[in-house]
Amino acid sequence: MKYLRSSILFFAGLILLLNLSGCNEDGIPGFDSDKAKFVIPIGRSYNYSDALISRVVDGDTLVLESGERVRLIGIDTPELHESNKLYKDAQRTKQDVSTIQKMGLKAYEFTKNLAEGKRCSLEFDVDKYDKYKRLLAYVYLKDGTFLNAQIVKEGYASLMTYPPNVKYADLFLKLYQEARENKRGLWK
């Protein structure tokens, strides 16, 4: 009898817990009577077809309203912030750190003016995250602007292709070559 009472209390508690922690299709906590089942949300999901770009970190990194960082696939802008990459780039290109940061500031300002505070949709390639847990994405502003491509086209980014995320590598290469030939952006 004691075992039966404990079992009943356990299952009653479980049902109550499920009822309180579940959400129906309208996002209201509780039981979804239309479907006669409990819905338990696991984790948090975001709508990547209509996200707000709340902040631009640098020329190729954004922050969404969800707080997630997005690294634009296929492009690389000069470093703006102190980092190991800044010093590696200075060594590799034989440019001083302040010159690279000035170019990084120009790329940041271009991306900020183009994207910050605007709504966008994200397209993913094969890998969805990088080693820093940033989303890897192709970003489209609601006016149709393909952000990754526009930054390259206007001469504010070089190419950075990491397989398997290569869907638009040929397009980016073409835009990069045209920007260099026409002395746009950083190539003036």
C-alpha atoms as a PDB file:
ATOM      1  CA  MET A   1       0.000   0.000   0.000  1.00  0.00           C
ATOM      2  CA  LYS A   2       2.855   2.353   0.874  1.00  0.00           C
ATOM      3  CA  TYR A   3       4.461   1.598  -2.527  1.00  0.00           C
ATOM      4  CA  LEU A   4       1.184   2.346  -4.377  1.00  0.00           C
ATOM      5  CA  ARG A   5       0.726   5.655  -2.542  1.00  0.00           C
ATOM      6  CA  SER A   6       4.331   6.696  -3.373  1.00  0.00           C
ATOM      7  CA  SER A   7       3.830   5.758  -7.018  1.00  0.00           C
ATOM      8  CA  ILE A   8       0.591   7.729  -7.266  1.00  0.00           C
ATOM      9  CA  LEU A   9       2.210  10.768  -5.662  1.00  0.00           C
ATOM     10  CA  PHE A  10       5.214  10.456  -7.987  1.00  0.00           C
ATOM     11  CA  PHE A  11       3.100  10.305 -11.146  1.00  0.00           C
ATOM     12  CA  ALA A  12       0.763  13.045  -9.937  1.00  0.00           C
ATOM     13  CA  GLY A  13       3.817  15.231  -9.308  1.00  0.00           C
ATOM     14  CA  LEU A  14       5.260  14.360 -12.702  1.00  0.00           C
ATOM     15  CA  ILE A  15       2.002  15.259 -14.456  1.00  0.00           C
ATOM     16  CA  LEU A  16       1.834  18.535 -12.537  1.00  0.00           C
ATOM     17  CA  LEU A  17       5.447  19.305 -13.424  1.00  0.00           C
ATOM     18  CA  LEU A  18       4.852  18.539 -17.087  1.00  0.00           C
ATOM     19  CA  ASN A  19       1.723  20.648 -17.052  1.00  0.00           C
ATOM     20  CA  LEU A  20       3.518  23.605 -15.528  1.00  0.00           C
ATOM     21  CA  SER A  21       6.665  23.408 -17.656  1.00  0.00           C
ATOM     22  CA  GLY A  22       5.089  22.660 -21.020  1.00  0.00           C
ATOM     23  CA  CYS A  23       3.892  25.243 -23.531  1.00  0.00           C
ATOM     24  CA  ASN A  24       1.115  25.070 -26.048  1.00  0.00           C
ATOM     25  CA  GLU A  25       1.515  26.203 -29.655  1.00  0.00           C
ATOM     26  CA  ASP A  26       0.865  29.825 -28.622  1.00  0.00           C
ATOM     27  CA  GLY A  27       3.775  29.656 -26.178  1.00  0.00           C
ATOM     28  CA  ILE A  28       1.449  29.701 -23.169  1.00  0.00           C
ATOM     29  CA  PRO A  29       2.607  27.410 -20.362  1.00  0.00           C
ATOM     30  CA  GLY A  30       0.397  24.429 -19.694  1.00  0.00           C
ATOM     31  CA  PHE A  31      -1.493  21.654 -21.360  1.00  0.00           C
ATOM     32  CA  ASP A  32      -2.221  21.769 -25.083  1.00  0.00           C
ATOM     33  CA  SER A  33      -5.828  20.590 -25.060  1.00  0.00           C
ATOM     34  CA  ASP A  34      -6.223  20.693 -28.848  1.00  0.00           C
ATOM     35  CA  LYS A  35      -3.584  18.035 -29.288  1.00  0.00           C
ATOM     36  CA  ALA A  36      -4.217  16.299 -25.948  1.00  0.00           C
ATOM     37  CA  LYS A  37      -0.569  16.086 -25.106  1.00  0.00           C
ATOM     38  CA  PHE A  38       2.025  17.814 -23.006  1.00  0.00           C
ATOM     39  CA  VAL A  39       4.632  19.922 -24.760  1.00  0.00           C
ATOM     40  CA  ILE A  40       7.988  20.289 -23.043  1.00  0.00           C
ATOM     41  CA  PRO A  41      10.250  22.953 -24.515  1.00  0.00           C
ATOM     42  CA  ILE A  42      13.882  21.883 -24.575  1.00  0.00           C
ATOM     43  CA  GLY A  43      16.426  24.632 -25.049  1.00  0.00           C
ATOM     44  CA  ARG A  44      15.564  27.788 -26.878  1.00  0.00           C
ATOM     45  CA  SER A  45      14.970  28.168 -30.582  1.00  0.00           C
ATOM     46  CA  TYR A  46      15.217  31.326 -32.620  1.00  0.00           C
ATOM     47  CA  ASN A  47      13.703  32.342 -35.893  1.00  0.00           C
ATOM     48  CA  TYR A  48      16.679  32.798 -38.201  1.00  0.00           C
ATOM     49  CA  SER A  49      14.436  33.919 -41.059  1.00  0.00           C
ATOM     50  CA  ASP A  50      13.621  37.166 -39.247  1.00  0.00           C
ATOM     51  CA  ALA A  51      16.329  38.188 -36.795  1.00  0.00           C
ATOM     52  CA  LEU A  52      17.452  41.622 -35.677  1.00  0.00           C
ATOM     53  CA  ILE A  53      21.120  42.548 -35.959  1.00  0.00           C
ATOM     54  CA  SER A  54      21.533  44.316 -32.654  1.00  0.00           C
ATOM     55  CA  ARG A  55      25.239  45.078 -32.940  1.00  0.00           C
ATOM     56  CA  VAL A  56      28.144  44.859 -35.332  1.00  0.00           C
ATOM     57  CA  VAL A  57      31.308  43.689 -33.545  1.00  0.00           C
ATOM     58  CA  ASP A  58      33.679  44.167 -36.477  1.00  0.00           C
ATOM     59  CA  GLY A  59      33.547  43.961 -40.249  1.00  0.00           C
ATOM     60  CA  ASP A  60      32.677  40.264 -40.350  1.00  0.00           C
ATOM     61  CA  THR A  61      31.000  39.533 -36.997  1.00  0.00           C
ATOM     62  CA  LEU A  62      27.500  40.460 -35.819  1.00  0.00           C
ATOM     63  CA  VAL A  63      25.398  40.000 -32.707  1.00  0.00           C
ATOM     64  CA  LEU A  64      21.733  39.082 -33.049  1.00  0.00           C
ATOM     65  CA  GLU A  65      18.971  40.196 -30.683  1.00  0.00           C
ATOM     66  CA  SER A  66      19.161  36.687 -29.194  1.00  0.00           C
ATOM     67  CA  GLY A  67      22.722  37.458 -28.084  1.00  0.00           C
ATOM     68  CA  GLU A  68      24.202  34.967 -30.534  1.00  0.00           C
ATOM     69  CA  ARG A  69      27.314  35.981 -32.437  1.00  0.00           C
ATOM     70  CA  VAL A  70      27.338  35.424 -36.188  1.00  0.00           C
ATOM     71  CA  ARG A  71      30.559  35.063 -38.186  1.00  0.00           C
ATOM     72  CA  LEU A  72      29.963  35.861 -41.852  1.00  0.00           C
ATOM     73  CA  ILE A  73      31.023  32.871 -43.951  1.00  0.00           C
ATOM     74  CA  GLY A  74      33.580  33.248 -46.719  1.00  0.00           C
ATOM     75  CA  ILE A  75      34.949  36.691 -45.896  1.00  0.00           C
ATOM     76  CA  ASP A  76      37.596  38.222 -43.669  1.00  0.00           C
ATOM     77  CA  THR A  77      37.954  41.874 -42.726  1.00  0.00           C
ATOM     78  CA  PRO A  78      41.034  43.432 -41.149  1.00  0.00           C
ATOM     79  CA  GLU A  79      41.231  43.120 -37.368  1.00  0.00           C
ATOM     80  CA  LEU A  80      39.879  46.010 -35.360  1.00  0.00           C
ATOM     81  CA  HIS A  81      40.474  44.705 -31.854  1.00  0.00           C
ATOM     82  CA  GLU A  82      43.630  43.534 -30.080  1.00  0.00           C
ATOM     83  CA  SER A  83      44.074  39.831 -30.759  1.00  0.00           C
ATOM     84  CA  ASN A  84      46.610  37.206 -31.712  1.00  0.00           C
ATOM     85  CA  LYS A  85      45.206  37.320 -35.243  1.00  0.00           C
ATOM     86  CA  LEU A  86      45.976  41.048 -35.459  1.00  0.00           C
ATOM     87  CA  TYR A  87      49.638  40.392 -34.739  1.00  0.00           C
ATOM     88  CA  LYS A  88      49.780  37.367 -37.042  1.00  0.00           C
ATOM     89  CA  ASP A  89      48.237  39.451 -39.839  1.00  0.00           C
ATOM     90  CA  ALA A  90      50.760  42.239 -39.228  1.00  0.00           C
ATOM     91  CA  GLN A  91      53.607  39.754 -39.464  1.00  0.00           C
ATOM     92  CA  ARG A  92      52.152  38.049 -42.543  1.00  0.00           C
ATOM     93  CA  THR A  93      51.379  41.275 -44.465  1.00  0.00           C
ATOM     94  CA  LYS A  94      54.396  43.290 -43.237  1.00  0.00           C
ATOM     95  CA  GLN A  95      51.999  46.093 -42.193  1.00  0.00           C
ATOM     96  CA  ASP A  96      52.076  47.716 -38.796  1.00  0.00           C
ATOM     97  CA  VAL A  97      49.293  46.958 -36.317  1.00  0.00           C
ATOM     98  CA  SER A  98      47.828  50.480 -36.391  1.00  0.00           C
ATOM     99  CA  THR A  99      47.474  50.381 -40.202  1.00  0.00           C
ATOM    100  CA  ILE A 100      45.572  47.103 -39.992  1.00  0.00           C
ATOM    101  CA  GLN A 101      43.341  48.474 -37.210  1.00  0.00           C
ATOM    102  CA  LYS A 102      42.579  51.605 -39.282  1.00  0.00           C
ATOM    103  CA  MET A 103      41.478  49.366 -42.154  1.00  0.00           C
ATOM    104  CA  GLY A 104      39.527  47.265 -39.640  1.00  0.00           C
ATOM    105  CA  LEU A 105      37.742  50.412 -38.468  1.00  0.00           C
ATOM    106  CA  LYS A 106      36.748  51.261 -42.053  1.00  0.00           C
ATOM    107  CA  ALA A 107      35.397  47.724 -42.596  1.00  0.00           C
ATOM    108  CA  TYR A 108      33.547  47.865 -39.262  1.00  0.00           C
ATOM    109  CA  GLU A 109      31.972  51.236 -40.109  1.00  0.00           C
ATOM    110  CA  PHE A 110      30.897  49.963 -43.529  1.00  0.00           C
ATOM    111  CA  THR A 111      29.272  46.849 -42.070  1.00  0.00           C
ATOM    112  CA  LYS A 112      27.723  48.804 -39.192  1.00  0.00           C
ATOM    113  CA  ASN A 113      26.153  51.381 -41.536  1.00  0.00           C
ATOM    114  CA  LEU A 114      24.855  48.641 -43.776  1.00  0.00           C
ATOM    115  CA  ALA A 115      23.499  46.187 -41.200  1.00  0.00           C
ATOM    116  CA  GLU A 116      23.211  47.328 -37.582  1.00  0.00           C
ATOM    117  CA  GLY A 117      19.637  47.645 -36.359  1.00  0.00           C
ATOM    118  CA  LYS A 118      18.246  45.885 -39.437  1.00  0.00           C
ATOM    119  CA  ARG A 119      16.331  42.662 -39.727  1.00  0.00           C
ATOM    120  CA  CYS A 120      17.846  39.781 -41.638  1.00  0.00           C
ATOM    121  CA  SER A 121      17.635  36.101 -42.418  1.00  0.00           C
ATOM    122  CA  LEU A 122      20.465  33.626 -42.038  1.00  0.00           C
ATOM    123  CA  GLU A 123      21.432  30.870 -44.443  1.00  0.00           C
ATOM    124  CA  PHE A 124      23.657  28.117 -43.118  1.00  0.00           C
ATOM    125  CA  ASP A 125      26.129  25.960 -45.005  1.00  0.00           C
ATOM    126  CA  VAL A 126      27.460  22.567 -43.878  1.00  0.00           C
ATOM    127  CA  ASP A 127      28.970  23.636 -40.534  1.00  0.00           C
ATOM    128  CA  LYS A 128      26.639  25.769 -38.419  1.00  0.00           C
ATOM    129  CA  TYR A 129      29.170  26.787 -35.726  1.00  0.00           C
ATOM    130  CA  ASP A 130      32.866  27.617 -35.572  1.00  0.00           C
ATOM    131  CA  LYS A 131      35.284  26.627 -32.812  1.00  0.00           C
ATOM    132  CA  TYR A 132      34.297  29.764 -30.860  1.00  0.00           C
ATOM    133  CA  LYS A 133      30.602  28.704 -30.893  1.00  0.00           C
ATOM    134  CA  ARG A 134      29.647  31.537 -33.251  1.00  0.00           C
ATOM    135  CA  LEU A 135      26.971  30.866 -35.848  1.00  0.00           C
ATOM    136  CA  LEU A 136      28.471  30.618 -39.331  1.00  0.00           C
ATOM    137  CA  ALA A 137      26.067  32.158 -41.804  1.00  0.00           C
ATOM    138  CA  TYR A 138      25.316  33.926 -45.032  1.00  0.00           C
ATOM    139  CA  VAL A 139      23.248  36.947 -44.031  1.00  0.00           C
ATOM    140  CA  TYR A 140      20.509  38.537 -46.113  1.00  0.00           C
ATOM    141  CA  LEU A 141      19.044  41.878 -45.103  1.00  0.00           C
ATOM    142  CA  LYS A 142      15.291  42.258 -45.536  1.00  0.00           C
ATOM    143  CA  ASP A 143      15.845  44.602 -48.518  1.00  0.00           C
ATOM    144  CA  GLY A 144      17.480  41.651 -50.330  1.00  0.00           C
ATOM    145  CA  THR A 145      21.117  42.670 -49.784  1.00  0.00           C
ATOM    146  CA  PHE A 146      23.403  39.650 -49.466  1.00  0.00           C
ATOM    147  CA  LEU A 147      25.577  41.104 -46.699  1.00  0.00           C
ATOM    148  CA  ASN A 148      28.616  38.813 -47.072  1.00  0.00           C
ATOM    149  CA  ALA A 149      28.767  39.512 -50.823  1.00  0.00           C
ATOM    150  CA  GLN A 150      28.143  43.255 -50.470  1.00  0.00           C
ATOM    151  CA  ILE A 151      31.066  43.687 -48.069  1.00  0.00           C
ATOM    152  CA  VAL A 152      33.390  41.942 -50.539  1.00  0.00           C
ATOM    153  CA  LYS A 153      31.923  43.761 -53.553  1.00  0.00           C
ATOM    154  CA  GLU A 154      32.511  47.171 -51.979  1.00  0.00           C
ATOM    155  CA  GLY A 155      36.116  46.268 -51.161  1.00  0.00           C
ATOM    156  CA  TYR A 156      35.992  45.883 -47.376  1.00  0.00           C
ATOM    157  CA  ALA A 157      36.858  42.189 -47.112  1.00  0.00           C
ATOM    158  CA  SER A 158      39.242  39.567 -48.364  1.00  0.00           C
ATOM    159  CA  LEU A 159      38.294  35.956 -48.868  1.00  0.00           C
ATOM    160  CA  MET A 160      38.387  33.317 -46.166  1.00  0.00           C
ATOM    161  CA  THR A 161      37.166  29.953 -47.328  1.00  0.00           C
ATOM    162  CA  TYR A 162      37.081  26.994 -44.974  1.00  0.00           C
ATOM    163  CA  PRO A 163      35.679  23.793 -46.446  1.00  0.00           C
ATOM    164  CA  PRO A 164      33.063  22.465 -46.197  1.00  0.00           C
ATOM    165  CA  ASN A 165      31.413  25.946 -46.098  1.00  0.00           C
ATOM    166  CA  VAL A 166      32.119  26.884 -49.714  1.00  0.00           C
ATOM    167  CA  LYS A 167      28.692  27.435 -51.250  1.00  0.00           C
ATOM    168  CA  TYR A 168      29.421  30.987 -52.514  1.00  0.00           C
ATOM    169  CA  ALA A 169      33.230  30.810 -52.780  1.00  0.00           C
ATOM    170  CA  ASP A 170      33.206  31.364 -56.564  1.00  0.00           C
ATOM    171  CA  LEU A 171      30.909  34.399 -56.264  1.00  0.00           C
ATOM    172  CA  PHE A 172      33.055  35.903 -53.507  1.00  0.00           C
ATOM    173  CA  LEU A 173      36.232  35.377 -55.557  1.00  0.00           C
ATOM    174  CA  LYS A 174      34.691  37.173 -58.555  1.00  0.00           C
ATOM    175  CA  LEU A 175      33.496  40.090 -56.394  1.00  0.00           C
ATOM    176  CA  TYR A 176      36.870  40.327 -54.629  1.00  0.00           C
ATOM    177  CA  GLN A 177      38.787  40.475 -57.919  1.00  0.00           C
ATOM    178  CA  GLU A 178      36.433  43.169 -59.259  1.00  0.00           C
ATOM    179  CA  ALA A 179      36.798  45.251 -56.075  1.00  0.00           C
ATOM    180  CA  ARG A 180      40.610  45.047 -56.258  1.00  0.00           C
ATOM    181  CA  GLU A 181      40.691  45.886 -59.992  1.00  0.00           C
ATOM    182  CA  ASN A 182      38.337  48.837 -59.502  1.00  0.00           C
ATOM    183  CA  LYS A 183      40.121  50.045 -56.331  1.00  0.00           C
ATOM    184  CA  ARG A 184      37.043  50.005 -54.116  1.00  0.00           C
ATOM    185  CA  GLY A 185      36.948  50.308 -50.355  1.00  0.00           C
ATOM    186  CA  LEU A 186      40.212  49.275 -48.716  1.00  0.00           C
ATOM    187  CA  TRP A 187      41.867  48.790 -52.096  1.00  0.00           C
ATOM    188  CA  LYS A 188      41.895  52.534 -52.976  1.00  0.00           C
END
